[in-house]
Amino acid sequence: MTGAAANGSGVFDLDAAVEAAKDEAAAQPFAFTWHGEQYTVPAATEWPLEALTAMSEGNLPMAMGALLGADAYARIVQTGITVGALNTLFDAIGKKAGMGGLPNSRGSAQLASTRT
């Protein structure tokens, strides 16, 4: 990077910038209960890239595992949570994060047709 940086050293310190932004934003995690147990999804600004990738691919189980962590994910799976419940949860998470509903699956690819 050239030019002045936020920390004055000439090199942009992403770690410092992320911490400063986190302090300013004060984003709140999303807490929910399922079958009497409370779970917490980090604020959207704290989501790991793995979770976003899984969501964009329509892989809700992988996204949930990335957001909840392995132990909480295993507990919620053992309750028999359904795809419908996950869709409802992701809609609520997306609305809280200001994104509207989150995508829950990729649409089928449309085959290109040629005029004959």
PDB file of N, CA and C in Angstrom:
ATOM      1  N   MET A   1       0.842  -1.171   0.000  1.00  0.00           N
ATOM      2  CA  MET A   1       0.000   0.000   0.000  1.00  0.00           C
ATOM      3  C   MET A   1       0.883   1.229   0.000  1.00  0.00           C
ATOM      4  N   THR A   2       0.511   2.191  -0.756  1.00  0.00           N
ATOM      5  CA  THR A   2       1.274   3.423  -0.786  1.00  0.00           C
ATOM      6  C   THR A   2       0.483   4.531  -0.127  1.00  0.00           C
ATOM      7  N   GLY A   3       1.163   5.579   0.217  1.00  0.00           N
ATOM      8  CA  GLY A   3       0.484   6.704   0.842  1.00  0.00           C
ATOM      9  C   GLY A   3       0.330   6.496   2.330  1.00  0.00           C
ATOM     10  N   ALA A   4      -0.325   7.444   2.989  1.00  0.00           N
ATOM     11  CA  ALA A   4      -0.500   7.381   4.437  1.00  0.00           C
ATOM     12  C   ALA A   4      -1.470   6.271   4.805  1.00  0.00           C
ATOM     13  N   ALA A   5      -1.188   5.635   5.922  1.00  0.00           N
ATOM     14  CA  ALA A   5      -2.063   4.576   6.433  1.00  0.00           C
ATOM     15  C   ALA A   5      -2.685   5.034   7.742  1.00  0.00           C
ATOM     16  N   ALA A   6      -3.685   4.312   8.182  1.00  0.00           N
ATOM     17  CA  ALA A   6      -4.417   4.692   9.387  1.00  0.00           C
ATOM     18  C   ALA A   6      -3.507   4.763  10.612  1.00  0.00           C
ATOM     19  N   ASN A   7      -2.487   3.917  10.659  1.00  0.00           N
ATOM     20  CA  ASN A   7      -1.630   3.914  11.836  1.00  0.00           C
ATOM     21  C   ASN A   7      -0.341   4.714  11.631  1.00  0.00           C
ATOM     22  N   GLY A   8      -0.180   5.392  10.498  1.00  0.00           N
ATOM     23  CA  GLY A   8       0.952   6.269  10.268  1.00  0.00           C
ATOM     24  C   GLY A   8       2.248   5.588   9.883  1.00  0.00           C
ATOM     25  N   SER A   9       2.299   4.286   9.792  1.00  0.00           N
ATOM     26  CA  SER A   9       3.550   3.605   9.488  1.00  0.00           C
ATOM     27  C   SER A   9       3.759   3.386   8.001  1.00  0.00           C
ATOM     28  N   GLY A  10       2.795   3.743   7.182  1.00  0.00           N
ATOM     29  CA  GLY A  10       2.911   3.512   5.748  1.00  0.00           C
ATOM     30  C   GLY A  10       2.367   2.163   5.323  1.00  0.00           C
ATOM     31  N   VAL A  11       2.068   1.289   6.281  1.00  0.00           N
ATOM     32  CA  VAL A  11       1.493  -0.024   6.001  1.00  0.00           C
ATOM     33  C   VAL A  11       0.152  -0.093   6.722  1.00  0.00           C
ATOM     34  N   PHE A  12      -0.870  -0.410   5.987  1.00  0.00           N
ATOM     35  CA  PHE A  12      -2.204  -0.489   6.576  1.00  0.00           C
ATOM     36  C   PHE A  12      -2.269  -1.667   7.520  1.00  0.00           C
ATOM     37  N   ASP A  13      -2.645  -1.429   8.755  1.00  0.00           N
ATOM     38  CA  ASP A  13      -2.767  -2.474   9.773  1.00  0.00           C
ATOM     39  C   ASP A  13      -4.234  -2.900   9.841  1.00  0.00           C
ATOM     40  N   LEU A  14      -4.560  -3.961   9.127  1.00  0.00           N
ATOM     41  CA  LEU A  14      -5.937  -4.441   9.077  1.00  0.00           C
ATOM     42  C   LEU A  14      -6.423  -4.863  10.451  1.00  0.00           C
ATOM     43  N   ASP A  15      -5.564  -5.506  11.243  1.00  0.00           N
ATOM     44  CA  ASP A  15      -5.963  -5.914  12.591  1.00  0.00           C
ATOM     45  C   ASP A  15      -6.434  -4.723  13.415  1.00  0.00           C
ATOM     46  N   ALA A  16      -5.656  -3.645  13.408  1.00  0.00           N
ATOM     47  CA  ALA A  16      -6.006  -2.452  14.177  1.00  0.00           C
ATOM     48  C   ALA A  16      -7.279  -1.807  13.641  1.00  0.00           C
ATOM     49  N   ALA A  17      -7.423  -1.773  12.318  1.00  0.00           N
ATOM     50  CA  ALA A  17      -8.603  -1.162  11.713  1.00  0.00           C
ATOM     51  C   ALA A  17      -9.862  -1.952  12.042  1.00  0.00           C
ATOM     52  N   VAL A  18      -9.777  -3.267  12.024  1.00  0.00           N
ATOM     53  CA  VAL A  18     -10.928  -4.112  12.357  1.00  0.00           C
ATOM     54  C   VAL A  18     -11.333  -3.897  13.815  1.00  0.00           C
ATOM     55  N   GLU A  19     -10.354  -3.837  14.709  1.00  0.00           N
ATOM     56  CA  GLU A  19     -10.660  -3.607  16.124  1.00  0.00           C
ATOM     57  C   GLU A  19     -11.318  -2.249  16.336  1.00  0.00           C
ATOM     58  N   ALA A  20     -10.816  -1.231  15.652  1.00  0.00           N
ATOM     59  CA  ALA A  20     -11.393   0.108  15.773  1.00  0.00           C
ATOM     60  C   ALA A  20     -12.826   0.127  15.247  1.00  0.00           C
ATOM     61  N   ALA A  21     -13.051  -0.520  14.114  1.00  0.00           N
ATOM     62  CA  ALA A  21     -14.401  -0.574  13.538  1.00  0.00           C
ATOM     63  C   ALA A  21     -15.346  -1.349  14.445  1.00  0.00           C
ATOM     64  N   LYS A  22     -14.845  -2.422  15.046  1.00  0.00           N
ATOM     65  CA  LYS A  22     -15.665  -3.242  15.940  1.00  0.00           C
ATOM     66  C   LYS A  22     -16.102  -2.415  17.148  1.00  0.00           C
ATOM     67  N   ASP A  23     -15.189  -1.623  17.682  1.00  0.00           N
ATOM     68  CA  ASP A  23     -15.519  -0.781  18.831  1.00  0.00           C
ATOM     69  C   ASP A  23     -16.581   0.252  18.461  1.00  0.00           C
ATOM     70  N   GLU A  24     -16.496   0.804  17.259  1.00  0.00           N
ATOM     71  CA  GLU A  24     -17.438   1.824  16.818  1.00  0.00           C
ATOM     72  C   GLU A  24     -18.810   1.239  16.505  1.00  0.00           C
ATOM     73  N   ALA A  25     -18.833   0.095  15.860  1.00  0.00           N
ATOM     74  CA  ALA A  25     -20.093  -0.489  15.392  1.00  0.00           C
ATOM     75  C   ALA A  25     -20.934  -1.064  16.529  1.00  0.00           C
ATOM     76  N   ALA A  26     -20.299  -1.652  17.514  1.00  0.00           N
ATOM     77  CA  ALA A  26     -20.994  -2.297  18.630  1.00  0.00           C
ATOM     78  C   ALA A  26     -22.091  -3.226  18.126  1.00  0.00           C
ATOM     79  N   ALA A  27     -21.782  -4.011  17.108  1.00  0.00           N
ATOM     80  CA  ALA A  27     -22.740  -4.960  16.555  1.00  0.00           C
ATOM     81  C   ALA A  27     -23.077  -6.014  17.610  1.00  0.00           C
ATOM     82  N   GLN A  28     -24.329  -6.398  17.635  1.00  0.00           N
ATOM     83  CA  GLN A  28     -24.812  -7.342  18.628  1.00  0.00           C
ATOM     84  C   GLN A  28     -24.962  -8.736  18.022  1.00  0.00           C
ATOM     85  N   PRO A  29     -24.584  -9.769  18.765  1.00  0.00           N
ATOM     86  CA  PRO A  29     -24.833 -11.128  18.290  1.00  0.00           C
ATOM     87  C   PRO A  29     -26.332 -11.419  18.281  1.00  0.00           C
ATOM     88  N   PHE A  30     -26.713 -12.480  17.599  1.00  0.00           N
ATOM     89  CA  PHE A  30     -28.106 -12.892  17.506  1.00  0.00           C
ATOM     90  C   PHE A  30     -28.285 -14.112  18.408  1.00  0.00           C
ATOM     91  N   ALA A  31     -29.061 -13.953  19.462  1.00  0.00           N
ATOM     92  CA  ALA A  31     -29.323 -15.072  20.374  1.00  0.00           C
ATOM     93  C   ALA A  31     -30.702 -15.648  20.064  1.00  0.00           C
ATOM     94  N   PHE A  32     -30.820 -16.959  20.145  1.00  0.00           N
ATOM     95  CA  PHE A  32     -32.100 -17.625  19.929  1.00  0.00           C
ATOM     96  C   PHE A  32     -32.166 -18.878  20.791  1.00  0.00           C
ATOM     97  N   THR A  33     -33.373 -19.335  21.025  1.00  0.00           N
ATOM     98  CA  THR A  33     -33.555 -20.584  21.761  1.00  0.00           C
ATOM     99  C   THR A  33     -34.170 -21.618  20.836  1.00  0.00           C
ATOM    100  N   TRP A  34     -33.821 -22.848  21.082  1.00  0.00           N
ATOM    101  CA  TRP A  34     -34.382 -23.981  20.347  1.00  0.00           C
ATOM    102  C   TRP A  34     -34.472 -25.144  21.322  1.00  0.00           C
ATOM    103  N   HIS A  35     -35.647 -25.652  21.500  1.00  0.00           N
ATOM    104  CA  HIS A  35     -35.908 -26.757  22.430  1.00  0.00           C
ATOM    105  C   HIS A  35     -35.317 -26.483  23.813  1.00  0.00           C
ATOM    106  N   GLY A  36     -35.507 -25.248  24.283  1.00  0.00           N
ATOM    107  CA  GLY A  36     -35.113 -24.889  25.634  1.00  0.00           C
ATOM    108  C   GLY A  36     -33.650 -24.538  25.835  1.00  0.00           C
ATOM    109  N   GLU A  37     -32.834 -24.617  24.806  1.00  0.00           N
ATOM    110  CA  GLU A  37     -31.413 -24.269  24.927  1.00  0.00           C
ATOM    111  C   GLU A  37     -31.147 -22.985  24.145  1.00  0.00           C
ATOM    112  N   GLN A  38     -30.289 -22.141  24.710  1.00  0.00           N
ATOM    113  CA  GLN A  38     -29.957 -20.888  24.026  1.00  0.00           C
ATOM    114  C   GLN A  38     -28.696 -21.060  23.196  1.00  0.00           C
ATOM    115  N   TYR A  39     -28.731 -20.470  22.008  1.00  0.00           N
ATOM    116  CA  TYR A  39     -27.597 -20.472  21.082  1.00  0.00           C
ATOM    117  C   TYR A  39     -27.312 -19.026  20.694  1.00  0.00           C
ATOM    118  N   THR A  40     -26.098 -18.766  20.263  1.00  0.00           N
ATOM    119  CA  THR A  40     -25.734 -17.418  19.848  1.00  0.00           C
ATOM    120  C   THR A  40     -24.984 -17.464  18.534  1.00  0.00           C
ATOM    121  N   VAL A  41     -25.444 -16.640  17.598  1.00  0.00           N
ATOM    122  CA  VAL A  41     -24.779 -16.450  16.309  1.00  0.00           C
ATOM    123  C   VAL A  41     -24.053 -15.109  16.408  1.00  0.00           C
ATOM    124  N   PRO A  42     -22.781 -15.057  16.036  1.00  0.00           N
ATOM    125  CA  PRO A  42     -22.065 -13.783  16.124  1.00  0.00           C
ATOM    126  C   PRO A  42     -22.708 -12.707  15.260  1.00  0.00           C
ATOM    127  N   ALA A  43     -22.418 -11.460  15.596  1.00  0.00           N
ATOM    128  CA  ALA A  43     -22.869 -10.344  14.757  1.00  0.00           C
ATOM    129  C   ALA A  43     -22.350 -10.560  13.347  1.00  0.00           C
ATOM    130  N   ALA A  44     -23.107 -10.117  12.359  1.00  0.00           N
ATOM    131  CA  ALA A  44     -22.762 -10.360  10.950  1.00  0.00           C
ATOM    132  C   ALA A  44     -21.355  -9.908  10.593  1.00  0.00           C
ATOM    133  N   THR A  45     -20.871  -8.854  11.231  1.00  0.00           N
ATOM    134  CA  THR A  45     -19.513  -8.381  10.929  1.00  0.00           C
ATOM    135  C   THR A  45     -18.442  -9.334  11.440  1.00  0.00           C
ATOM    136  N   GLU A  46     -18.831 -10.290  12.260  1.00  0.00           N
ATOM    137  CA  GLU A  46     -17.884 -11.251  12.836  1.00  0.00           C
ATOM    138  C   GLU A  46     -17.983 -12.646  12.204  1.00  0.00           C
ATOM    139  N   TRP A  47     -18.834 -12.795  11.202  1.00  0.00           N
ATOM    140  CA  TRP A  47     -18.987 -14.110  10.588  1.00  0.00           C
ATOM    141  C   TRP A  47     -17.720 -14.524   9.863  1.00  0.00           C
ATOM    142  N   PRO A  48     -17.316 -15.780  10.024  1.00  0.00           N
ATOM    143  CA  PRO A  48     -16.170 -16.266   9.259  1.00  0.00           C
ATOM    144  C   PRO A  48     -16.535 -16.385   7.777  1.00  0.00           C
ATOM    145  N   LEU A  49     -15.561 -16.194   6.938  1.00  0.00           N
ATOM    146  CA  LEU A  49     -15.778 -16.272   5.494  1.00  0.00           C
ATOM    147  C   LEU A  49     -16.354 -17.628   5.104  1.00  0.00           C
ATOM    148  N   GLU A  50     -15.984 -18.668   5.829  1.00  0.00           N
ATOM    149  CA  GLU A  50     -16.506 -20.014   5.576  1.00  0.00           C
ATOM    150  C   GLU A  50     -18.038 -20.031   5.648  1.00  0.00           C
ATOM    151  N   ALA A  51     -18.607 -19.284   6.595  1.00  0.00           N
ATOM    152  CA  ALA A  51     -20.069 -19.240   6.741  1.00  0.00           C
ATOM    153  C   ALA A  51     -20.709 -18.551   5.543  1.00  0.00           C
ATOM    154  N   LEU A  52     -20.130 -17.446   5.097  1.00  0.00           N
ATOM    155  CA  LEU A  52     -20.673 -16.738   3.935  1.00  0.00           C
ATOM    156  C   LEU A  52     -20.583 -17.577   2.673  1.00  0.00           C
ATOM    157  N   THR A  53     -19.483 -18.283   2.522  1.00  0.00           N
ATOM    158  CA  THR A  53     -19.317 -19.156   1.361  1.00  0.00           C
ATOM    159  C   THR A  53     -20.379 -20.253   1.374  1.00  0.00           C
ATOM    160  N   ALA A  54     -20.575 -20.861   2.531  1.00  0.00           N
ATOM    161  CA  ALA A  54     -21.580 -21.926   2.651  1.00  0.00           C
ATOM    162  C   ALA A  54     -22.973 -21.389   2.343  1.00  0.00           C
ATOM    163  N   MET A  55     -23.292 -20.179   2.847  1.00  0.00           N
ATOM    164  CA  MET A  55     -24.602 -19.597   2.566  1.00  0.00           C
ATOM    165  C   MET A  55     -24.785 -19.332   1.082  1.00  0.00           C
ATOM    166  N   SER A  56     -23.755 -18.800   0.439  1.00  0.00           N
ATOM    167  CA  SER A  56     -23.885 -18.491  -0.988  1.00  0.00           C
ATOM    168  C   SER A  56     -24.045 -19.761  -1.811  1.00  0.00           C
ATOM    169  N   GLU A  57     -23.567 -20.879  -1.288  1.00  0.00           N
ATOM    170  CA  GLU A  57     -23.717 -22.167  -1.968  1.00  0.00           C
ATOM    171  C   GLU A  57     -24.999 -22.870  -1.551  1.00  0.00           C
ATOM    172  N   GLY A  58     -25.761 -22.261  -0.637  1.00  0.00           N
ATOM    173  CA  GLY A  58     -27.002 -22.875  -0.174  1.00  0.00           C
ATOM    174  C   GLY A  58     -26.794 -24.007   0.807  1.00  0.00           C
ATOM    175  N   ASN A  59     -25.618 -24.078   1.421  1.00  0.00           N
ATOM    176  CA  ASN A  59     -25.297 -25.159   2.351  1.00  0.00           C
ATOM    177  C   ASN A  59     -25.545 -24.677   3.784  1.00  0.00           C
ATOM    178  N   LEU A  60     -26.816 -24.708   4.218  1.00  0.00           N
ATOM    179  CA  LEU A  60     -27.170 -24.221   5.544  1.00  0.00           C
ATOM    180  C   LEU A  60     -26.511 -25.003   6.680  1.00  0.00           C
ATOM    181  N   PRO A  61     -26.407 -26.336   6.596  1.00  0.00           N
ATOM    182  CA  PRO A  61     -25.738 -27.044   7.686  1.00  0.00           C
ATOM    183  C   PRO A  61     -24.287 -26.590   7.872  1.00  0.00           C
ATOM    184  N   MET A  62     -23.550 -26.404   6.786  1.00  0.00           N
ATOM    185  CA  MET A  62     -22.163 -25.957   6.909  1.00  0.00           C
ATOM    186  C   MET A  62     -22.111 -24.528   7.461  1.00  0.00           C
ATOM    187  N   ALA A  63     -23.032 -23.693   7.001  1.00  0.00           N
ATOM    188  CA  ALA A  63     -23.087 -22.312   7.498  1.00  0.00           C
ATOM    189  C   ALA A  63     -23.368 -22.299   8.999  1.00  0.00           C
ATOM    190  N   MET A  64     -24.317 -23.113   9.445  1.00  0.00           N
ATOM    191  CA  MET A  64     -24.634 -23.172  10.874  1.00  0.00           C
ATOM    192  C   MET A  64     -23.451 -23.653  11.690  1.00  0.00           C
ATOM    193  N   GLY A  65     -22.751 -24.647  11.187  1.00  0.00           N
ATOM    194  CA  GLY A  65     -21.572 -25.135  11.891  1.00  0.00           C
ATOM    195  C   GLY A  65     -20.512 -24.054  12.031  1.00  0.00           C
ATOM    196  N   ALA A  66     -20.324 -23.269  10.977  1.00  0.00           N
ATOM    197  CA  ALA A  66     -19.335 -22.194  11.017  1.00  0.00           C
ATOM    198  C   ALA A  66     -19.763 -21.072  11.960  1.00  0.00           C
ATOM    199  N   LEU A  67     -21.063 -20.809  12.044  1.00  0.00           N
ATOM    200  CA  LEU A  67     -21.556 -19.724  12.891  1.00  0.00           C
ATOM    201  C   LEU A  67     -21.666 -20.110  14.364  1.00  0.00           C
ATOM    202  N   LEU A  68     -22.114 -21.325  14.635  1.00  0.00           N
ATOM    203  CA  LEU A  68     -22.333 -21.744  16.015  1.00  0.00           C
ATOM    204  C   LEU A  68     -21.105 -22.339  16.678  1.00  0.00           C
ATOM    205  N   GLY A  69     -20.218 -22.917  15.889  1.00  0.00           N
ATOM    206  CA  GLY A  69     -19.105 -23.672  16.454  1.00  0.00           C
ATOM    207  C   GLY A  69     -19.487 -25.140  16.530  1.00  0.00           C
ATOM    208  N   ALA A  70     -18.492 -25.994  16.570  1.00  0.00           N
ATOM    209  CA  ALA A  70     -18.708 -27.434  16.474  1.00  0.00           C
ATOM    210  C   ALA A  70     -19.591 -27.991  17.587  1.00  0.00           C
ATOM    211  N   ASP A  71     -19.346 -27.603  18.831  1.00  0.00           N
ATOM    212  CA  ASP A  71     -20.104 -28.171  19.949  1.00  0.00           C
ATOM    213  C   ASP A  71     -21.582 -27.775  19.898  1.00  0.00           C
ATOM    214  N   ALA A  72     -21.843 -26.481  19.726  1.00  0.00           N
ATOM    215  CA  ALA A  72     -23.242 -26.019  19.676  1.00  0.00           C
ATOM    216  C   ALA A  72     -23.943 -26.595  18.452  1.00  0.00           C
ATOM    217  N   TYR A  73     -23.217 -26.684  17.328  1.00  0.00           N
ATOM    218  CA  TYR A  73     -23.822 -27.258  16.127  1.00  0.00           C
ATOM    219  C   TYR A  73     -24.209 -28.717  16.365  1.00  0.00           C
ATOM    220  N   ALA A  74     -23.321 -29.488  16.991  1.00  0.00           N
ATOM    221  CA  ALA A  74     -23.625 -30.895  17.272  1.00  0.00           C
ATOM    222  C   ALA A  74     -24.853 -31.013  18.166  1.00  0.00           C
ATOM    223  N   ARG A  75     -24.971 -30.134  19.162  1.00  0.00           N
ATOM    224  CA  ARG A  75     -26.134 -30.182  20.061  1.00  0.00           C
ATOM    225  C   ARG A  75     -27.424 -29.879  19.314  1.00  0.00           C
ATOM    226  N   ILE A  76     -27.389 -28.881  18.442  1.00  0.00           N
ATOM    227  CA  ILE A  76     -28.621 -28.509  17.729  1.00  0.00           C
ATOM    228  C   ILE A  76     -29.011 -29.586  16.716  1.00  0.00           C
ATOM    229  N   VAL A  77     -28.034 -30.229  16.107  1.00  0.00           N
ATOM    230  CA  VAL A  77     -28.329 -31.317  15.167  1.00  0.00           C
ATOM    231  C   VAL A  77     -28.990 -32.482  15.906  1.00  0.00           C
ATOM    232  N   GLN A  78     -28.513 -32.769  17.101  1.00  0.00           N
ATOM    233  CA  GLN A  78     -29.075 -33.877  17.879  1.00  0.00           C
ATOM    234  C   GLN A  78     -30.536 -33.651  18.259  1.00  0.00           C
ATOM    235  N   THR A  79     -30.997 -32.402  18.223  1.00  0.00           N
ATOM    236  CA  THR A  79     -32.405 -32.124  18.534  1.00  0.00           C
ATOM    237  C   THR A  79     -33.317 -32.499  17.379  1.00  0.00           C
ATOM    238  N   GLY A  80     -32.742 -32.757  16.216  1.00  0.00           N
ATOM    239  CA  GLY A  80     -33.549 -33.085  15.049  1.00  0.00           C
ATOM    240  C   GLY A  80     -34.030 -31.861  14.300  1.00  0.00           C
ATOM    241  N   ILE A  81     -33.288 -30.755  14.401  1.00  0.00           N
ATOM    242  CA  ILE A  81     -33.697 -29.520  13.722  1.00  0.00           C
ATOM    243  C   ILE A  81     -33.897 -29.796  12.227  1.00  0.00           C
ATOM    244  N   THR A  82     -34.893 -29.155  11.666  1.00  0.00           N
ATOM    245  CA  THR A  82     -35.248 -29.395  10.274  1.00  0.00           C
ATOM    246  C   THR A  82     -34.754 -28.272   9.369  1.00  0.00           C
ATOM    247  N   VAL A  83     -34.790 -28.529   8.080  1.00  0.00           N
ATOM    248  CA  VAL A  83     -34.426 -27.513   7.099  1.00  0.00           C
ATOM    249  C   VAL A  83     -35.396 -26.335   7.200  1.00  0.00           C
ATOM    250  N   GLY A  84     -36.660 -26.624   7.425  1.00  0.00           N
ATOM    251  CA  GLY A  84     -37.640 -25.550   7.581  1.00  0.00           C
ATOM    252  C   GLY A  84     -37.307 -24.644   8.758  1.00  0.00           C
ATOM    253  N   ALA A  85     -36.887 -25.244   9.873  1.00  0.00           N
ATOM    254  CA  ALA A  85     -36.503 -24.452  11.043  1.00  0.00           C
ATOM    255  C   ALA A  85     -35.257 -23.626  10.732  1.00  0.00           C
ATOM    256  N   LEU A  86     -34.301 -24.213  10.008  1.00  0.00           N
ATOM    257  CA  LEU A  86     -33.102 -23.458   9.628  1.00  0.00           C
ATOM    258  C   LEU A  86     -33.451 -22.289   8.711  1.00  0.00           C
ATOM    259  N   ASN A  87     -34.365 -22.511   7.780  1.00  0.00           N
ATOM    260  CA  ASN A  87     -34.793 -21.417   6.895  1.00  0.00           C
ATOM    261  C   ASN A  87     -35.390 -20.273   7.715  1.00  0.00           C
ATOM    262  N   THR A  88     -36.248 -20.607   8.671  1.00  0.00           N
ATOM    263  CA  THR A  88     -36.857 -19.593   9.528  1.00  0.00           C
ATOM    264  C   THR A  88     -35.794 -18.859  10.333  1.00  0.00           C
ATOM    265  N   LEU A  89     -34.836 -19.611  10.870  1.00  0.00           N
ATOM    266  CA  LEU A  89     -33.756 -19.013  11.646  1.00  0.00           C
ATOM    267  C   LEU A  89     -32.916 -18.069  10.792  1.00  0.00           C
ATOM    268  N   PHE A  90     -32.516 -18.516   9.600  1.00  0.00           N
ATOM    269  CA  PHE A  90     -31.680 -17.676   8.740  1.00  0.00           C
ATOM    270  C   PHE A  90     -32.433 -16.426   8.278  1.00  0.00           C
ATOM    271  N   ASP A  91     -33.737 -16.528   8.072  1.00  0.00           N
ATOM    272  CA  ASP A  91     -34.524 -15.337   7.749  1.00  0.00           C
ATOM    273  C   ASP A  91     -34.450 -14.330   8.896  1.00  0.00           C
ATOM    274  N   ALA A  92     -34.626 -14.815  10.129  1.00  0.00           N
ATOM    275  CA  ALA A  92     -34.587 -13.928  11.295  1.00  0.00           C
ATOM    276  C   ALA A  92     -33.197 -13.326  11.487  1.00  0.00           C
ATOM    277  N   ILE A  93     -32.154 -14.120  11.299  1.00  0.00           N
ATOM    278  CA  ILE A  93     -30.776 -13.626  11.437  1.00  0.00           C
ATOM    279  C   ILE A  93     -30.516 -12.545  10.392  1.00  0.00           C
ATOM    280  N   GLY A  94     -30.927 -12.797   9.166  1.00  0.00           N
ATOM    281  CA  GLY A  94     -30.717 -11.839   8.088  1.00  0.00           C
ATOM    282  C   GLY A  94     -31.444 -10.532   8.334  1.00  0.00           C
ATOM    283  N   LYS A  95     -32.672 -10.613   8.829  1.00  0.00           N
ATOM    284  CA  LYS A  95     -33.431  -9.397   9.116  1.00  0.00           C
ATOM    285  C   LYS A  95     -32.774  -8.604  10.238  1.00  0.00           C
ATOM    286  N   LYS A  96     -32.307  -9.285  11.275  1.00  0.00           N
ATOM    287  CA  LYS A  96     -31.638  -8.610  12.396  1.00  0.00           C
ATOM    288  C   LYS A  96     -30.362  -7.933  11.920  1.00  0.00           C
ATOM    289  N   ALA A  97     -29.668  -8.550  10.972  1.00  0.00           N
ATOM    290  CA  ALA A  97     -28.418  -7.999  10.451  1.00  0.00           C
ATOM    291  C   ALA A  97     -28.665  -6.925   9.396  1.00  0.00           C
ATOM    292  N   GLY A  98     -29.944  -6.682   9.061  1.00  0.00           N
ATOM    293  CA  GLY A  98     -30.263  -5.664   8.075  1.00  0.00           C
ATOM    294  C   GLY A  98     -30.086  -6.121   6.644  1.00  0.00           C
ATOM    295  N   MET A  99     -30.098  -7.437   6.436  1.00  0.00           N
ATOM    296  CA  MET A  99     -29.894  -7.981   5.096  1.00  0.00           C
ATOM    297  C   MET A  99     -31.168  -8.547   4.494  1.00  0.00           C
ATOM    298  N   GLY A 100     -32.281  -8.469   5.190  1.00  0.00           N
ATOM    299  CA  GLY A 100     -33.461  -9.180   4.732  1.00  0.00           C
ATOM    300  C   GLY A 100     -33.228 -10.651   4.997  1.00  0.00           C
ATOM    301  N   GLY A 101     -33.959 -11.507   4.365  1.00  0.00           N
ATOM    302  CA  GLY A 101     -33.741 -12.941   4.538  1.00  0.00           C
ATOM    303  C   GLY A 101     -32.467 -13.367   3.846  1.00  0.00           C
ATOM    304  N   LEU A 102     -31.764 -14.306   4.446  1.00  0.00           N
ATOM    305  CA  LEU A 102     -30.549 -14.834   3.835  1.00  0.00           C
ATOM    306  C   LEU A 102     -30.911 -15.917   2.834  1.00  0.00           C
ATOM    307  N   PRO A 103     -30.098 -16.087   1.803  1.00  0.00           N
ATOM    308  CA  PRO A 103     -30.406 -17.136   0.820  1.00  0.00           C
ATOM    309  C   PRO A 103     -30.311 -18.499   1.472  1.00  0.00           C
ATOM    310  N   ASN A 104     -31.274 -19.350   1.165  1.00  0.00           N
ATOM    311  CA  ASN A 104     -31.244 -20.669   1.763  1.00  0.00           C
ATOM    312  C   ASN A 104     -30.934 -21.775   0.763  1.00  0.00           C
ATOM    313  N   SER A 105     -30.983 -21.460  -0.489  1.00  0.00           N
ATOM    314  CA  SER A 105     -30.588 -22.451  -1.481  1.00  0.00           C
ATOM    315  C   SER A 105     -30.372 -21.758  -2.809  1.00  0.00           C
ATOM    316  N   ARG A 106     -29.559 -22.369  -3.609  1.00  0.00           N
ATOM    317  CA  ARG A 106     -29.321 -21.824  -4.932  1.00  0.00           C
ATOM    318  C   ARG A 106     -30.415 -22.302  -5.860  1.00  0.00           C
ATOM    319  N   GLY A 107     -30.873 -21.417  -6.677  1.00  0.00           N
ATOM    320  CA  GLY A 107     -31.862 -21.808  -7.665  1.00  0.00           C
ATOM    321  C   GLY A 107     -31.238 -22.717  -8.703  1.00  0.00           C
ATOM    322  N   SER A 108     -32.063 -23.435  -9.373  1.00  0.00           N
ATOM    323  CA  SER A 108     -31.561 -24.302 -10.433  1.00  0.00           C
ATOM    324  C   SER A 108     -31.026 -23.462 -11.574  1.00  0.00           C
ATOM    325  N   ALA A 109     -29.928 -23.891 -12.113  1.00  0.00           N
ATOM    326  CA  ALA A 109     -29.351 -23.163 -13.239  1.00  0.00           C
ATOM    327  C   ALA A 109     -30.262 -23.316 -14.448  1.00  0.00           C
ATOM    328  N   GLN A 110     -30.508 -22.234 -15.125  1.00  0.00           N
ATOM    329  CA  GLN A 110     -31.321 -22.264 -16.331  1.00  0.00           C
ATOM    330  C   GLN A 110     -30.415 -22.594 -17.501  1.00  0.00           C
ATOM    331  N   LEU A 111     -30.811 -23.568 -18.262  1.00  0.00           N
ATOM    332  CA  LEU A 111     -30.044 -23.919 -19.438  1.00  0.00           C
ATOM    333  C   LEU A 111     -30.290 -22.896 -20.524  1.00  0.00           C
ATOM    334  N   ALA A 112     -29.228 -22.522 -21.140  1.00  0.00           N
ATOM    335  CA  ALA A 112     -29.361 -21.564 -22.253  1.00  0.00           C
ATOM    336  C   ALA A 112     -30.032 -22.276 -23.417  1.00  0.00           C
ATOM    337  N   SER A 113     -30.930 -21.592 -24.047  1.00  0.00           N
ATOM    338  CA  SER A 113     -31.568 -22.204 -25.206  1.00  0.00           C
ATOM    339  C   SER A 113     -31.166 -21.398 -26.444  1.00  0.00           C
ATOM    340  N   THR A 114     -31.109 -22.091 -27.516  1.00  0.00           N
ATOM    341  CA  THR A 114     -30.797 -21.412 -28.771  1.00  0.00           C
ATOM    342  C   THR A 114     -31.994 -21.540 -29.690  1.00  0.00           C
ATOM    343  N   ARG A 115     -32.200 -20.534 -30.417  1.00  0.00           N
ATOM    344  CA  ARG A 115     -33.312 -20.535 -31.360  1.00  0.00           C
ATOM    345  C   ARG A 115     -33.008 -21.483 -32.510  1.00  0.00           C
ATOM    346  N   THR A 116     -33.967 -22.265 -32.851  1.00  0.00           N
ATOM    347  CA  THR A 116     -33.747 -23.194 -33.964  1.00  0.00           C
ATOM    348  C   THR A 116     -34.602 -22.867 -35.140  1.00  0.00           C
TER     349      THR A 116
END
